[in-house]
Amino acid sequence: MPLLDVVEYLVIKKLASLDEIVKAMYDYFTNSASPSTVARKHGLSKHAVRGYSGRLIEKAGGFHRAVAMVKKVAPIIMELVPSIIERNGSIARCTLCGEKLWNDVAVLTMHIKHRHPNIVERYTNMVINRIRESIRAST
């Protein structure tokens, strides 16, 4: 399900303390800003912004679907999902298992995805349920 895939992708980024990526994707999809502009604002490279946005477009099933999904889910994720990685310089530490990790996007996201899938599932479901509640409330 595309919405589930988009939510899970962004939840993993937030759990990994990569808030700047979630915020950058929100800015990119809601403000129609260029990758360069978004990258400068959030301390990322324009190539990274293109890569993250491309993955979201693929998961959503198209650009306009990604816009609608990210616009709705990113604020909820920023509100509900905690960061479980402490990042400090080149080293990071998982607050759940205590494992020390390289402070690298791929390392952090893989750790969260493979070592803590139950946490990813819990927060993904929380976000999906919040979306369902908001849809019910608006009808």
N, C-alpha and C. Protein backbone atom coordinates (compact mmCIF):
# COMPACT_ATOMS: atom_id res chain seq x y z
N MET A 1 0.85 -1.18 0.00
CA MET A 1 0.00 0.00 0.00
C MET A 1 0.89 1.24 0.00
N PRO A 2 0.71 2.12 -0.97
CA PRO A 2 1.60 3.29 -1.10
C PRO A 2 1.66 4.18 0.15
N LEU A 3 0.51 4.47 0.76
CA LEU A 3 0.53 5.33 1.94
C LEU A 3 1.34 4.70 3.05
N LEU A 4 1.17 3.42 3.26
CA LEU A 4 1.93 2.71 4.29
C LEU A 4 3.43 2.80 4.01
N ASP A 5 3.83 2.63 2.75
CA ASP A 5 5.23 2.69 2.38
C ASP A 5 5.82 4.08 2.63
N VAL A 6 5.07 5.12 2.29
CA VAL A 6 5.53 6.49 2.49
C VAL A 6 5.66 6.78 3.98
N VAL A 7 4.65 6.40 4.75
CA VAL A 7 4.69 6.64 6.20
C VAL A 7 5.86 5.90 6.83
N GLU A 8 6.03 4.63 6.49
CA GLU A 8 7.12 3.85 7.07
C GLU A 8 8.48 4.47 6.74
N TYR A 9 8.67 4.90 5.51
CA TYR A 9 9.93 5.51 5.08
C TYR A 9 10.25 6.74 5.93
N LEU A 10 9.25 7.61 6.12
CA LEU A 10 9.48 8.83 6.90
C LEU A 10 9.57 8.56 8.39
N VAL A 11 8.84 7.57 8.89
CA VAL A 11 8.94 7.19 10.31
C VAL A 11 10.35 6.70 10.62
N ILE A 12 10.92 5.90 9.75
CA ILE A 12 12.29 5.41 9.95
C ILE A 12 13.26 6.58 10.01
N LYS A 13 13.11 7.54 9.12
CA LYS A 13 13.99 8.72 9.14
C LYS A 13 13.85 9.47 10.45
N LYS A 14 12.63 9.64 10.95
CA LYS A 14 12.41 10.37 12.19
C LYS A 14 12.95 9.60 13.38
N LEU A 15 12.70 8.30 13.45
CA LEU A 15 13.24 7.48 14.54
C LEU A 15 14.76 7.55 14.57
N ALA A 16 15.37 7.66 13.40
CA ALA A 16 16.84 7.72 13.30
C ALA A 16 17.38 9.12 13.56
N SER A 17 16.54 10.02 14.07
CA SER A 17 16.94 11.41 14.37
C SER A 17 17.34 12.18 13.12
N LEU A 18 16.75 11.82 12.00
CA LEU A 18 17.03 12.50 10.74
C LEU A 18 15.86 13.44 10.41
N ASP A 19 15.52 14.25 11.40
CA ASP A 19 14.40 15.19 11.27
C ASP A 19 14.57 16.09 10.06
N GLU A 20 15.82 16.47 9.76
CA GLU A 20 16.06 17.38 8.64
C GLU A 20 15.58 16.80 7.32
N ILE A 21 15.60 15.47 7.20
CA ILE A 21 15.13 14.84 5.97
C ILE A 21 13.60 14.92 5.89
N VAL A 22 12.93 14.63 6.99
CA VAL A 22 11.46 14.71 7.00
C VAL A 22 11.03 16.15 6.70
N LYS A 23 11.67 17.11 7.34
CA LYS A 23 11.32 18.52 7.12
C LYS A 23 11.65 18.95 5.69
N ALA A 24 12.75 18.47 5.16
CA ALA A 24 13.14 18.82 3.78
C ALA A 24 12.13 18.26 2.79
N MET A 25 11.67 17.05 3.01
CA MET A 25 10.69 16.47 2.10
C MET A 25 9.36 17.20 2.18
N TYR A 26 8.99 17.63 3.37
CA TYR A 26 7.77 18.43 3.52
C TYR A 26 7.91 19.73 2.73
N ASP A 27 9.03 20.42 2.91
CA ASP A 27 9.26 21.67 2.18
C ASP A 27 9.29 21.44 0.67
N TYR A 28 9.96 20.40 0.25
CA TYR A 28 10.09 20.12 -1.18
C TYR A 28 8.72 19.88 -1.82
N PHE A 29 7.91 19.04 -1.18
CA PHE A 29 6.64 18.67 -1.78
C PHE A 29 5.53 19.69 -1.56
N THR A 30 5.59 20.49 -0.51
CA THR A 30 4.50 21.44 -0.26
C THR A 30 4.79 22.84 -0.77
N ASN A 31 6.06 23.22 -0.87
CA ASN A 31 6.40 24.59 -1.29
C ASN A 31 6.91 24.67 -2.72
N SER A 32 6.99 23.54 -3.40
CA SER A 32 7.48 23.51 -4.79
C SER A 32 8.84 24.19 -4.94
N ALA A 33 9.67 24.09 -3.93
CA ALA A 33 11.01 24.68 -3.98
C ALA A 33 11.95 23.75 -4.73
N SER A 34 13.01 24.30 -5.27
CA SER A 34 13.99 23.50 -5.99
C SER A 34 14.79 22.65 -5.01
N PRO A 35 15.36 21.55 -5.49
CA PRO A 35 16.21 20.73 -4.62
C PRO A 35 17.36 21.53 -4.01
N SER A 36 17.92 22.46 -4.76
CA SER A 36 19.02 23.28 -4.25
C SER A 36 18.57 24.16 -3.09
N THR A 37 17.42 24.77 -3.22
CA THR A 37 16.88 25.64 -2.17
C THR A 37 16.58 24.84 -0.91
N VAL A 38 15.92 23.71 -1.07
CA VAL A 38 15.59 22.84 0.07
C VAL A 38 16.86 22.33 0.72
N ALA A 39 17.83 21.93 -0.10
CA ALA A 39 19.09 21.41 0.42
C ALA A 39 19.81 22.44 1.28
N ARG A 40 19.91 23.67 0.79
CA ARG A 40 20.57 24.73 1.56
C ARG A 40 19.88 24.97 2.89
N LYS A 41 18.57 25.01 2.86
CA LYS A 41 17.79 25.30 4.07
C LYS A 41 17.96 24.22 5.14
N HIS A 42 18.10 22.96 4.72
CA HIS A 42 18.11 21.85 5.67
C HIS A 42 19.48 21.18 5.84
N GLY A 43 20.51 21.76 5.25
CA GLY A 43 21.86 21.22 5.43
C GLY A 43 22.10 19.90 4.72
N LEU A 44 21.45 19.71 3.59
CA LEU A 44 21.61 18.49 2.80
C LEU A 44 22.20 18.86 1.45
N SER A 45 22.59 17.87 0.68
CA SER A 45 23.02 18.14 -0.70
C SER A 45 21.79 18.08 -1.61
N LYS A 46 21.86 18.78 -2.73
CA LYS A 46 20.72 18.75 -3.67
C LYS A 46 20.53 17.34 -4.22
N HIS A 47 21.62 16.58 -4.31
CA HIS A 47 21.53 15.20 -4.79
C HIS A 47 20.78 14.32 -3.78
N ALA A 48 21.02 14.57 -2.49
CA ALA A 48 20.30 13.83 -1.45
C ALA A 48 18.81 14.16 -1.51
N VAL A 49 18.48 15.44 -1.66
CA VAL A 49 17.07 15.85 -1.77
C VAL A 49 16.42 15.16 -2.95
N ARG A 50 17.10 15.14 -4.08
CA ARG A 50 16.56 14.45 -5.26
C ARG A 50 16.36 12.95 -4.99
N GLY A 51 17.33 12.35 -4.31
CA GLY A 51 17.23 10.92 -4.00
C GLY A 51 16.06 10.61 -3.07
N TYR A 52 15.93 11.37 -1.98
CA TYR A 52 14.84 11.13 -1.03
C TYR A 52 13.49 11.38 -1.70
N SER A 53 13.39 12.48 -2.45
CA SER A 53 12.11 12.79 -3.10
C SER A 53 11.78 11.72 -4.16
N GLY A 54 12.78 11.25 -4.87
CA GLY A 54 12.56 10.20 -5.86
C GLY A 54 12.03 8.92 -5.24
N ARG A 55 12.59 8.55 -4.08
CA ARG A 55 12.12 7.35 -3.40
C ARG A 55 10.67 7.53 -2.93
N LEU A 56 10.34 8.73 -2.45
CA LEU A 56 8.97 8.97 -2.00
C LEU A 56 7.99 8.96 -3.18
N ILE A 57 8.39 9.53 -4.30
CA ILE A 57 7.53 9.53 -5.49
C ILE A 57 7.29 8.09 -5.94
N GLU A 58 8.34 7.29 -5.91
CA GLU A 58 8.21 5.88 -6.29
C GLU A 58 7.29 5.14 -5.34
N LYS A 59 7.47 5.34 -4.04
CA LYS A 59 6.64 4.66 -3.05
C LYS A 59 5.18 5.10 -3.13
N ALA A 60 4.97 6.39 -3.41
CA ALA A 60 3.61 6.93 -3.48
C ALA A 60 2.90 6.55 -4.77
N GLY A 61 3.66 6.26 -5.81
CA GLY A 61 3.06 5.93 -7.09
C GLY A 61 2.88 7.13 -8.01
N GLY A 62 3.63 8.19 -7.76
CA GLY A 62 3.57 9.36 -8.62
C GLY A 62 3.81 10.63 -7.83
N PHE A 63 4.18 11.68 -8.55
CA PHE A 63 4.53 12.95 -7.90
C PHE A 63 3.36 13.55 -7.14
N HIS A 64 2.21 13.65 -7.77
CA HIS A 64 1.07 14.31 -7.13
C HIS A 64 0.57 13.52 -5.92
N ARG A 65 0.66 12.23 -6.00
CA ARG A 65 0.29 11.40 -4.83
C ARG A 65 1.29 11.61 -3.71
N ALA A 66 2.57 11.74 -4.05
CA ALA A 66 3.59 12.01 -3.03
C ALA A 66 3.34 13.35 -2.36
N VAL A 67 2.99 14.35 -3.15
CA VAL A 67 2.68 15.68 -2.59
C VAL A 67 1.56 15.56 -1.56
N ALA A 68 0.47 14.92 -1.94
CA ALA A 68 -0.69 14.79 -1.04
C ALA A 68 -0.32 14.01 0.22
N MET A 69 0.42 12.93 0.06
CA MET A 69 0.77 12.10 1.21
C MET A 69 1.74 12.80 2.15
N VAL A 70 2.80 13.35 1.62
CA VAL A 70 3.82 13.99 2.46
C VAL A 70 3.23 15.20 3.16
N LYS A 71 2.40 15.95 2.48
CA LYS A 71 1.75 17.12 3.08
C LYS A 71 0.93 16.73 4.30
N LYS A 72 0.29 15.58 4.24
CA LYS A 72 -0.56 15.10 5.33
C LYS A 72 0.24 14.42 6.44
N VAL A 73 1.21 13.56 6.06
CA VAL A 73 1.85 12.72 7.08
C VAL A 73 3.06 13.35 7.76
N ALA A 74 3.81 14.20 7.09
CA ALA A 74 5.04 14.73 7.69
C ALA A 74 4.78 15.49 9.00
N PRO A 75 3.77 16.38 9.06
CA PRO A 75 3.52 17.05 10.34
C PRO A 75 3.12 16.09 11.46
N ILE A 76 2.36 15.05 11.12
CA ILE A 76 1.96 14.06 12.12
C ILE A 76 3.18 13.30 12.62
N ILE A 77 4.06 12.93 11.71
CA ILE A 77 5.28 12.21 12.08
C ILE A 77 6.15 13.08 12.99
N MET A 78 6.30 14.34 12.65
CA MET A 78 7.12 15.23 13.47
C MET A 78 6.53 15.40 14.86
N GLU A 79 5.21 15.31 14.97
CA GLU A 79 4.55 15.46 16.26
C GLU A 79 4.59 14.17 17.10
N LEU A 80 4.32 13.03 16.47
CA LEU A 80 4.12 11.78 17.21
C LEU A 80 5.36 10.92 17.42
N VAL A 81 6.28 10.96 16.47
CA VAL A 81 7.38 9.98 16.46
C VAL A 81 8.61 10.56 17.16
N PRO A 82 9.11 9.84 18.16
CA PRO A 82 10.32 10.32 18.85
C PRO A 82 11.58 9.95 18.07
N SER A 83 12.65 10.59 18.41
CA SER A 83 13.96 10.21 17.87
C SER A 83 14.60 9.26 18.87
N ILE A 84 15.06 8.12 18.39
CA ILE A 84 15.66 7.15 19.33
C ILE A 84 17.17 7.03 19.14
N ILE A 85 17.73 7.83 18.26
CA ILE A 85 19.17 7.82 18.05
C ILE A 85 19.73 9.14 18.56
N GLU A 86 20.78 9.05 19.36
CA GLU A 86 21.49 10.26 19.80
C GLU A 86 22.67 10.44 18.87
N ARG A 87 22.68 11.56 18.14
CA ARG A 87 23.76 11.83 17.17
C ARG A 87 24.71 12.84 17.78
N ASN A 88 26.01 12.51 17.72
CA ASN A 88 27.02 13.40 18.27
C ASN A 88 28.29 13.27 17.43
N GLY A 89 28.51 14.23 16.57
CA GLY A 89 29.69 14.15 15.70
C GLY A 89 29.60 12.97 14.76
N SER A 90 30.66 12.18 14.71
CA SER A 90 30.68 11.05 13.77
C SER A 90 30.12 9.77 14.38
N ILE A 91 29.78 9.81 15.66
CA ILE A 91 29.25 8.63 16.35
C ILE A 91 27.81 8.89 16.78
N ALA A 92 27.00 7.85 16.73
CA ALA A 92 25.62 7.92 17.19
C ALA A 92 25.38 6.73 18.11
N ARG A 93 24.35 6.84 18.94
CA ARG A 93 24.02 5.75 19.86
C ARG A 93 22.52 5.56 19.87
N CYS A 94 22.11 4.30 19.75
CA CYS A 94 20.69 3.95 19.82
C CYS A 94 20.27 3.93 21.29
N THR A 95 19.25 4.70 21.63
CA THR A 95 18.81 4.76 23.02
C THR A 95 18.01 3.51 23.42
N LEU A 96 17.58 2.71 22.45
CA LEU A 96 16.83 1.49 22.77
C LEU A 96 17.75 0.32 23.12
N CYS A 97 18.78 0.11 22.30
CA CYS A 97 19.64 -1.05 22.51
C CYS A 97 21.06 -0.68 22.95
N GLY A 98 21.38 0.62 22.93
CA GLY A 98 22.70 1.07 23.36
C GLY A 98 23.81 0.90 22.34
N GLU A 99 23.50 0.38 21.18
CA GLU A 99 24.53 0.14 20.17
C GLU A 99 25.10 1.45 19.65
N LYS A 100 26.43 1.49 19.52
CA LYS A 100 27.10 2.65 18.94
C LYS A 100 27.19 2.45 17.43
N LEU A 101 26.94 3.53 16.69
CA LEU A 101 26.85 3.46 15.24
C LEU A 101 27.59 4.64 14.62
N TRP A 102 27.98 4.49 13.35
CA TRP A 102 28.49 5.64 12.62
C TRP A 102 27.32 6.56 12.35
N ASN A 103 27.56 7.85 12.48
CA ASN A 103 26.52 8.84 12.23
C ASN A 103 26.40 9.04 10.72
N ASP A 104 25.79 8.07 10.07
CA ASP A 104 25.62 8.05 8.62
C ASP A 104 24.17 7.67 8.33
N VAL A 105 23.55 8.36 7.40
CA VAL A 105 22.13 8.14 7.10
C VAL A 105 21.83 6.67 6.84
N ALA A 106 22.61 6.03 5.99
CA ALA A 106 22.35 4.63 5.64
C ALA A 106 22.51 3.71 6.85
N VAL A 107 23.55 3.94 7.64
CA VAL A 107 23.79 3.10 8.83
C VAL A 107 22.65 3.26 9.83
N LEU A 108 22.25 4.50 10.08
CA LEU A 108 21.19 4.76 11.06
C LEU A 108 19.85 4.18 10.62
N THR A 109 19.50 4.38 9.36
CA THR A 109 18.21 3.88 8.90
C THR A 109 18.19 2.34 8.85
N MET A 110 19.29 1.74 8.44
CA MET A 110 19.35 0.27 8.42
C MET A 110 19.25 -0.30 9.84
N HIS A 111 19.90 0.36 10.79
CA HIS A 111 19.82 -0.10 12.17
C HIS A 111 18.37 -0.08 12.65
N ILE A 112 17.69 1.04 12.45
CA ILE A 112 16.30 1.15 12.89
C ILE A 112 15.43 0.10 12.19
N LYS A 113 15.58 -0.01 10.90
CA LYS A 113 14.74 -0.91 10.11
C LYS A 113 14.94 -2.38 10.49
N HIS A 114 16.19 -2.77 10.73
CA HIS A 114 16.47 -4.19 10.97
C HIS A 114 16.55 -4.59 12.44
N ARG A 115 16.92 -3.69 13.30
CA ARG A 115 17.03 -4.03 14.73
C ARG A 115 15.76 -3.70 15.51
N HIS A 116 14.96 -2.77 15.00
CA HIS A 116 13.77 -2.34 15.75
C HIS A 116 12.52 -2.29 14.88
N PRO A 117 12.24 -3.37 14.12
CA PRO A 117 11.06 -3.34 13.24
C PRO A 117 9.75 -3.19 14.00
N ASN A 118 9.69 -3.69 15.23
CA ASN A 118 8.46 -3.56 16.02
C ASN A 118 8.17 -2.09 16.37
N ILE A 119 9.22 -1.31 16.61
CA ILE A 119 9.06 0.11 16.91
C ILE A 119 8.60 0.84 15.63
N VAL A 120 9.21 0.49 14.51
CA VAL A 120 8.82 1.10 13.22
C VAL A 120 7.34 0.80 12.97
N GLU A 121 6.93 -0.43 13.15
CA GLU A 121 5.54 -0.82 12.92
C GLU A 121 4.60 -0.08 13.86
N ARG A 122 4.97 0.03 15.14
CA ARG A 122 4.12 0.70 16.12
C ARG A 122 3.87 2.16 15.72
N TYR A 123 4.94 2.88 15.39
CA TYR A 123 4.77 4.30 15.05
C TYR A 123 4.13 4.49 13.67
N THR A 124 4.41 3.59 12.75
CA THR A 124 3.75 3.66 11.45
C THR A 124 2.24 3.51 11.64
N ASN A 125 1.84 2.56 12.45
CA ASN A 125 0.41 2.34 12.71
C ASN A 125 -0.21 3.53 13.44
N MET A 126 0.53 4.13 14.37
CA MET A 126 0.02 5.32 15.06
C MET A 126 -0.26 6.45 14.08
N VAL A 127 0.65 6.66 13.15
CA VAL A 127 0.47 7.73 12.16
C VAL A 127 -0.72 7.41 11.25
N ILE A 128 -0.81 6.18 10.78
CA ILE A 128 -1.93 5.77 9.92
C ILE A 128 -3.26 5.96 10.66
N ASN A 129 -3.30 5.57 11.93
CA ASN A 129 -4.53 5.73 12.72
C ASN A 129 -4.89 7.20 12.90
N ARG A 130 -3.89 8.06 13.08
CA ARG A 130 -4.16 9.49 13.20
C ARG A 130 -4.75 10.04 11.90
N ILE A 131 -4.23 9.57 10.78
CA ILE A 131 -4.77 10.00 9.48
C ILE A 131 -6.22 9.54 9.34
N ARG A 132 -6.49 8.30 9.72
CA ARG A 132 -7.87 7.78 9.64
C ARG A 132 -8.80 8.62 10.50
N GLU A 133 -8.35 8.95 11.72
CA GLU A 133 -9.17 9.77 12.63
C GLU A 133 -9.47 11.14 12.01
N SER A 134 -8.47 11.74 11.39
CA SER A 134 -8.68 13.07 10.80
C SER A 134 -9.63 13.00 9.61
N ILE A 135 -9.58 11.90 8.87
CA ILE A 135 -10.51 11.72 7.74
C ILE A 135 -11.94 11.55 8.27
N ARG A 136 -12.09 10.72 9.31
CA ARG A 136 -13.42 10.52 9.90
C ARG A 136 -13.99 11.82 10.47
N ALA A 137 -13.13 12.59 11.09
CA ALA A 137 -13.57 13.85 11.71
C ALA A 137 -14.00 14.88 10.66
N SER A 138 -13.42 14.79 9.46
CA SER A 138 -13.75 15.77 8.42
C SER A 138 -14.95 15.38 7.58
N THR A 139 -15.48 14.16 7.80
CA THR A 139 -16.65 13.75 7.01
C THR A 139 -17.93 13.84 7.79
